[in-house]
Amino acid sequence: MQVSAIMEDGAMGWLDKVLVAVWRGASIGSADLFYDEMRRGIVRHQRGLGHLAVIEPRTPLPPSEARERIASIFNEYPDSTSAVSVVFEGTGFFAAAVGSVATGIMFLSGRRTPFKVATNIGEAALFLTRHVRGPEGNLSARDYADAVEVLRRRLHGTPSVLPARPESGAGESG
C-alpha cells in the first residue's frame, strides 16, 4: 500500500493498480484530490485501473459539484478503469442513500465500467479481482482488507500495526 493522501475527510492510496479510499466526509477539495490521484494512476498505467471506495458510517453525502468532479475522471478517460466497487459501512437509509449516490456517480460518467455496491470489503475484493489484474497477479481479499486498515488508521491518527508485506504489495509505505 502506497499511501498518497490523508485529508480531514478521507485517506487514499495505491494498492498495485487499485486506488483505495476510505471516506468519512465529502468535500469538493477531496473530490479534486481523488481526480488528481486517479489521473496520476492513468498516466502511469494507462489501462486496467480499479477503484475501491469505503464509506464510513454517518459520512455526509457529497455535494453535486463533488459528484460531478469524481464522475469526470471516468468521462475523460473512459477506457482506463476496469472496475469500481463501493463499500458502505452503514445501514438503513444511509446505506440506501450511499448506494444511490455511488450508482449516480457512475451513471454520470456515461461509462459502462463494471461497478458494484458491496456490503463488505470481502465482497468488493472478490468483484475487483475478477476485473483488475496487476503486474504481479490478482490481489487477495486480505490485501484489500489490509490496505483499508492502513488507510483507516492513518485517517484516524493511530499507528498502523500491520507488518509490511512487500510480496503482496499490502505493506504500508509513504
Protein backbone atom coordinates (compact mmCIF):
# COMPACT_ATOMS: atom_id res chain seq x y z
CA MET A 1 0.00 0.00 0.00
CA GLN A 2 1.41 3.34 -1.09
CA VAL A 3 -0.46 5.97 0.95
CA SER A 4 -0.87 9.06 -1.23
CA ALA A 5 -3.18 11.39 0.72
CA ILE A 6 -4.56 11.89 4.20
CA MET A 7 -7.23 14.58 4.39
CA GLU A 8 -9.67 15.62 7.09
CA ASP A 9 -12.45 13.74 5.34
CA GLY A 10 -10.64 10.78 3.85
CA ALA A 11 -7.48 8.88 3.02
CA MET A 12 -6.35 7.23 -0.20
CA GLY A 13 -3.50 5.22 -1.58
CA TRP A 14 -2.50 2.78 -4.27
CA LEU A 15 -2.58 -0.97 -3.90
CA ASP A 16 -0.93 -2.03 -7.14
CA LYS A 17 -3.31 -0.63 -9.83
CA VAL A 18 -6.23 -0.03 -7.46
CA LEU A 19 -6.84 3.35 -5.83
CA VAL A 20 -8.24 2.54 -2.39
CA ALA A 21 -10.04 5.32 -0.49
CA VAL A 22 -11.65 5.48 2.93
CA TRP A 23 -14.12 8.35 3.25
CA ARG A 24 -15.67 9.99 6.30
CA GLY A 25 -16.56 13.26 4.57
CA ALA A 26 -17.33 14.67 1.17
CA SER A 27 -15.63 17.96 0.31
CA ILE A 28 -15.04 19.44 -3.14
CA GLY A 29 -11.31 19.61 -2.34
CA SER A 30 -11.20 15.88 -1.66
CA ALA A 31 -13.06 15.19 -4.91
CA ASP A 32 -10.39 17.25 -6.70
CA LEU A 33 -7.68 15.26 -4.94
CA PHE A 34 -9.37 11.99 -5.97
CA TYR A 35 -9.47 13.21 -9.58
CA ASP A 36 -5.76 14.13 -9.48
CA GLU A 37 -4.79 10.83 -7.90
CA MET A 38 -6.76 8.77 -10.43
CA ARG A 39 -5.19 10.80 -13.22
CA ARG A 40 -1.71 10.01 -11.87
CA GLY A 41 -2.62 6.32 -11.97
CA ILE A 42 -3.92 6.64 -15.52
CA VAL A 43 -0.73 8.36 -16.66
CA ARG A 44 1.33 5.62 -15.03
CA HIS A 45 -0.67 2.54 -16.03
CA GLN A 46 -2.85 3.71 -18.96
CA ARG A 47 -5.46 0.94 -18.52
CA GLY A 48 -6.66 -1.70 -16.14
CA LEU A 49 -7.11 0.51 -13.06
CA GLY A 50 -9.53 -0.23 -10.28
CA HIS A 51 -11.07 1.80 -7.50
CA LEU A 52 -12.29 0.70 -4.08
CA ALA A 53 -14.14 3.30 -2.01
CA VAL A 54 -15.05 2.53 1.60
CA ILE A 55 -17.66 4.91 3.02
CA GLU A 56 -17.68 5.04 6.81
CA PRO A 57 -20.97 5.26 8.74
CA ARG A 58 -22.52 8.73 9.09
CA THR A 59 -20.45 10.12 6.20
CA PRO A 60 -22.36 13.01 4.65
CA LEU A 61 -23.41 12.63 1.05
CA PRO A 62 -21.16 14.56 -1.34
CA PRO A 63 -22.46 17.82 -2.85
CA SER A 64 -23.34 17.73 -6.54
CA GLU A 65 -20.09 19.51 -7.51
CA ALA A 66 -18.06 16.78 -5.82
CA ARG A 67 -20.10 14.02 -7.50
CA GLU A 68 -19.59 15.67 -10.89
CA ARG A 69 -15.84 16.04 -10.30
CA ILE A 70 -15.50 12.37 -9.37
CA ALA A 71 -17.51 11.29 -12.42
CA SER A 72 -15.41 13.49 -14.70
CA ILE A 73 -12.30 11.30 -14.40
CA PHE A 74 -14.27 8.36 -15.78
CA ASN A 75 -15.67 10.57 -18.59
CA GLU A 76 -12.30 11.97 -19.61
CA TYR A 77 -10.50 8.60 -19.56
CA PRO A 78 -13.28 6.13 -20.44
CA ASP A 79 -11.07 3.12 -21.17
CA SER A 80 -8.68 3.37 -18.24
CA THR A 81 -10.74 1.93 -15.37
CA SER A 82 -11.60 -1.76 -15.35
CA ALA A 83 -13.83 -1.81 -12.25
CA VAL A 84 -15.14 0.25 -9.34
CA SER A 85 -16.58 -1.01 -6.07
CA VAL A 86 -18.05 0.99 -3.21
CA VAL A 87 -18.44 -0.47 0.29
CA PHE A 88 -20.91 1.29 2.57
CA GLU A 89 -20.49 0.67 6.27
CA GLY A 90 -23.89 1.87 7.40
CA THR A 91 -27.39 0.51 7.47
CA GLY A 92 -30.92 1.55 6.62
CA PHE A 93 -31.48 4.87 4.91
CA PHE A 94 -27.76 5.70 4.98
CA ALA A 95 -26.82 2.56 3.08
CA ALA A 96 -29.58 3.11 0.53
CA ALA A 97 -28.54 6.74 0.03
CA VAL A 98 -24.84 5.88 -0.40
CA GLY A 99 -25.70 3.14 -2.87
CA SER A 100 -27.86 5.55 -4.84
CA VAL A 101 -25.22 8.29 -4.88
CA ALA A 102 -22.46 5.88 -5.90
CA THR A 103 -24.61 4.47 -8.68
CA GLY A 104 -25.47 8.02 -9.75
CA ILE A 105 -21.80 8.98 -9.97
CA MET A 106 -21.10 6.05 -12.26
CA PHE A 107 -24.24 6.87 -14.27
CA LEU A 108 -23.00 10.47 -14.64
CA SER A 109 -19.81 9.11 -16.14
CA GLY A 110 -21.82 7.65 -19.02
CA ARG A 111 -19.46 4.69 -18.95
CA ARG A 112 -20.28 1.04 -18.54
CA THR A 113 -17.37 0.33 -16.22
CA PRO A 114 -18.11 -2.78 -14.16
CA PHE A 115 -19.46 -1.39 -10.88
CA LYS A 116 -20.64 -2.92 -7.61
CA VAL A 117 -22.02 -1.51 -4.39
CA ALA A 118 -20.85 -4.01 -1.77
CA THR A 119 -21.74 -4.53 1.87
CA ASN A 120 -18.22 -5.51 2.96
CA ILE A 121 -14.61 -5.41 1.79
CA GLY A 122 -14.50 -9.15 1.03
CA GLU A 123 -17.42 -8.84 -1.39
CA ALA A 124 -15.80 -5.81 -3.07
CA ALA A 125 -12.44 -7.60 -3.26
CA LEU A 126 -13.98 -10.63 -4.94
CA PHE A 127 -15.60 -8.36 -7.52
CA LEU A 128 -12.41 -6.36 -8.15
CA THR A 129 -10.24 -9.47 -8.55
CA ARG A 130 -12.50 -10.54 -11.42
CA HIS A 131 -11.79 -7.30 -13.29
CA VAL A 132 -8.42 -5.87 -12.23
CA ARG A 133 -5.13 -7.68 -12.69
CA GLY A 134 -1.88 -6.12 -11.60
CA PRO A 135 1.60 -6.83 -12.89
CA GLU A 136 2.09 -9.44 -10.17
CA GLY A 137 -1.34 -11.06 -10.50
CA ASN A 138 -4.60 -10.62 -8.65
CA LEU A 139 -4.78 -9.14 -5.19
CA SER A 140 -6.40 -11.14 -2.40
CA ALA A 141 -9.26 -10.12 -0.14
CA ARG A 142 -6.65 -9.91 2.64
CA ASP A 143 -4.60 -7.42 0.57
CA TYR A 144 -7.64 -5.16 0.22
CA ALA A 145 -8.57 -5.50 3.92
CA ASP A 146 -5.01 -4.67 4.96
CA ALA A 147 -4.94 -1.63 2.67
CA VAL A 148 -8.21 -0.32 4.10
CA GLU A 149 -6.90 -0.86 7.63
CA VAL A 150 -3.72 1.10 6.88
CA LEU A 151 -5.73 4.00 5.46
CA ARG A 152 -8.26 3.90 8.29
CA ARG A 153 -5.51 4.03 10.92
CA ARG A 154 -3.80 6.93 9.15
CA LEU A 155 -7.11 8.76 8.77
CA HIS A 156 -7.97 8.37 12.44
CA GLY A 157 -4.44 9.15 13.62
CA THR A 158 -3.49 5.76 15.02
CA PRO A 159 -0.29 3.99 14.07
CA SER A 160 -0.56 1.02 11.77
CA VAL A 161 0.06 -2.33 13.40
CA LEU A 162 0.17 -4.21 10.12
CA PRO A 163 3.51 -5.72 9.15
CA ALA A 164 4.95 -4.74 5.79
CA ARG A 165 4.09 -7.40 3.21
CA PRO A 166 6.09 -6.38 0.14
CA GLU A 167 5.48 -9.69 -1.56
CA SER A 168 1.76 -8.87 -1.78
CA GLY A 169 2.06 -5.12 -2.06
CA ALA A 170 -0.09 -4.57 1.02
CA GLY A 171 2.58 -3.24 3.39
CA GLU A 172 2.33 0.41 4.33
CA SER A 173 4.67 2.99 2.91
CA GLY A 174 4.55 6.72 2.33
